[in-house]
Amino acid sequence: MKNYKIIGLAIALATAPAFFAAPARAQIAEAAAASVAAPIVTKIFNAVIPQGTPKGSNWLKAEVVHADSQTIMVREQKNGMMIHTFNFSPEMKDKMQAILDRGGFQYGDKVSVLFMPGQTVALRIHGKPSKSL
């Protein structure tokens, strides 16, 4: 007699979810389509895109050997035997001329040079020029 009660209870528990698993109102396609509204745009901002480094570019930490209005020669900090000569990108020429007017980079100043591997064009230069004598 107990086996029949257990089997009956198991069948009742197995079929119960079928009766109670009706779709909810939010799952009906017509109700979902009616409840979606167009987004409300309140104010449009002009996004300021931060200046990033170009893909594949490298920063070189170095010391200045010589700098003038056309080129900069630097010695790597990690390997003192490696000396690089960089020309300036068109954007950098005006900035470097302004730096040179104030005294420019001197021998031994620490700088970081952004460049593309295999090229000799400095895209950006970060560093503090020392005061000229």
Protein backbone atom coordinates (compact mmCIF):
# COMPACT_ATOMS: atom_id res chain seq x y z
CA MET A 1 0.00 0.00 0.00
CA LYS A 2 2.84 2.37 0.73
CA ASN A 3 4.35 1.84 -2.73
CA TYR A 4 1.16 3.09 -4.38
CA LYS A 5 1.17 6.23 -2.23
CA ILE A 6 4.78 6.95 -3.07
CA ILE A 7 4.21 6.37 -6.81
CA GLY A 8 1.08 8.54 -6.77
CA LEU A 9 2.91 11.34 -4.98
CA ALA A 10 5.84 11.14 -7.45
CA ILE A 11 3.45 11.37 -10.43
CA ALA A 12 1.64 14.32 -8.86
CA LEU A 13 4.92 16.14 -8.23
CA ALA A 14 6.12 15.43 -11.78
CA THR A 15 2.96 16.76 -13.45
CA ALA A 16 2.49 19.79 -11.16
CA PRO A 17 5.06 22.02 -12.96
CA ALA A 18 3.25 21.44 -16.26
CA PHE A 19 0.12 23.07 -14.84
CA PHE A 20 1.87 25.92 -13.07
CA ALA A 21 4.48 26.78 -15.77
CA ALA A 22 2.25 29.04 -17.84
CA PRO A 23 4.12 31.89 -19.57
CA ALA A 24 4.38 35.09 -17.63
CA ARG A 25 2.87 38.26 -19.08
CA ALA A 26 6.30 39.73 -19.89
CA GLN A 27 7.15 36.69 -22.01
CA ILE A 28 4.29 37.25 -24.47
CA ALA A 29 5.60 38.88 -27.65
CA GLU A 30 2.73 41.38 -28.08
CA ALA A 31 3.07 42.65 -24.50
CA ALA A 32 6.84 43.01 -24.85
CA ALA A 33 6.56 44.91 -28.13
CA ALA A 34 3.98 47.31 -26.71
CA SER A 35 6.01 48.07 -23.59
CA VAL A 36 9.23 49.02 -25.45
CA ALA A 37 9.47 52.75 -26.12
CA ALA A 38 11.96 54.83 -28.04
CA PRO A 39 14.91 56.09 -25.95
CA ILE A 40 14.68 59.65 -24.71
CA VAL A 41 17.66 61.80 -25.66
CA THR A 42 18.05 64.64 -23.19
CA LYS A 43 21.33 66.27 -24.21
CA ILE A 44 24.03 65.44 -26.73
CA PHE A 45 27.65 66.00 -25.69
CA ASN A 46 30.58 66.36 -28.01
CA ALA A 47 32.84 63.57 -26.86
CA VAL A 48 36.41 64.56 -26.12
CA ILE A 49 38.62 61.78 -27.36
CA PRO A 50 41.81 61.54 -25.32
CA GLN A 51 45.00 61.57 -27.31
CA GLY A 52 46.22 58.01 -27.37
CA THR A 53 49.37 56.47 -28.60
CA PRO A 54 49.28 55.03 -32.12
CA LYS A 55 49.12 51.26 -32.39
CA GLY A 56 52.53 49.65 -32.44
CA SER A 57 54.40 52.69 -31.15
CA ASN A 58 56.99 52.51 -28.38
CA TRP A 59 58.20 54.89 -25.70
CA LEU A 60 61.97 55.14 -25.38
CA LYS A 61 63.40 56.46 -22.11
CA ALA A 62 66.64 58.23 -22.88
CA GLU A 63 69.09 61.04 -22.14
CA VAL A 64 69.65 63.90 -24.58
CA VAL A 65 73.02 63.95 -26.34
CA HIS A 66 72.21 66.81 -28.74
CA ALA A 67 69.04 68.63 -29.78
CA ASP A 68 68.42 71.25 -32.44
CA SER A 69 65.47 72.47 -34.53
CA GLN A 70 65.55 69.48 -36.90
CA THR A 71 66.75 66.46 -34.89
CA ILE A 72 67.32 65.10 -31.43
CA MET A 73 70.03 62.59 -30.54
CA VAL A 74 69.38 60.48 -27.45
CA ARG A 75 71.15 57.70 -25.55
CA GLU A 76 69.02 54.87 -24.15
CA GLN A 77 68.87 54.66 -20.36
CA LYS A 78 68.86 50.86 -20.37
CA ASN A 79 71.74 50.51 -22.82
CA GLY A 80 74.15 53.43 -22.81
CA MET A 81 75.84 52.23 -26.00
CA MET A 82 72.67 52.71 -28.09
CA ILE A 83 72.35 56.20 -29.55
CA HIS A 84 69.29 57.12 -31.64
CA THR A 85 68.72 60.13 -33.87
CA PHE A 86 65.12 61.21 -34.44
CA ASN A 87 63.61 63.76 -36.81
CA PHE A 88 60.44 65.52 -35.65
CA SER A 89 56.93 64.91 -36.92
CA PRO A 90 55.20 67.99 -38.42
CA GLU A 91 53.22 68.49 -35.19
CA MET A 92 56.40 68.28 -33.10
CA LYS A 93 58.42 70.80 -35.17
CA ASP A 94 56.45 73.80 -33.88
CA LYS A 95 56.55 72.53 -30.29
CA MET A 96 60.29 71.88 -30.46
CA GLN A 97 60.92 75.34 -31.91
CA ALA A 98 59.05 76.85 -28.95
CA ILE A 99 61.12 74.72 -26.54
CA LEU A 100 64.34 75.76 -28.30
CA ASP A 101 63.34 79.44 -28.03
CA ARG A 102 63.18 79.00 -24.25
CA GLY A 103 66.59 77.31 -24.07
CA GLY A 104 65.87 73.81 -25.38
CA PHE A 105 67.05 70.42 -24.25
CA GLN A 106 70.63 70.24 -23.00
CA TYR A 107 73.07 67.35 -22.72
CA GLY A 108 71.93 64.88 -20.04
CA ASP A 109 68.25 65.91 -19.87
CA LYS A 110 65.98 62.92 -19.33
CA VAL A 111 63.28 62.51 -22.00
CA SER A 112 60.82 59.93 -23.28
CA VAL A 113 60.42 59.66 -27.06
CA LEU A 114 57.38 58.13 -28.73
CA PHE A 115 58.30 56.54 -32.06
CA MET A 116 57.23 53.78 -34.42
CA PRO A 117 59.64 50.82 -34.52
CA GLY A 118 61.79 50.88 -37.64
CA GLN A 119 61.28 54.62 -38.18
CA THR A 120 63.32 57.61 -37.09
CA VAL A 121 60.47 60.10 -36.60
CA ALA A 122 59.70 61.27 -33.06
CA LEU A 123 55.92 61.50 -32.70
CA ARG A 124 56.03 62.97 -29.18
CA ILE A 125 58.67 63.93 -26.66
CA HIS A 126 58.06 64.17 -22.93
CA GLY A 127 60.65 65.65 -20.66
CA LYS A 128 61.64 68.78 -18.81
CA PRO A 129 64.22 70.90 -20.58
CA SER A 130 66.94 72.19 -18.27
CA LYS A 131 67.53 75.91 -18.05
CA SER A 132 70.22 77.18 -20.36
CA LEU A 133 73.32 78.79 -18.90
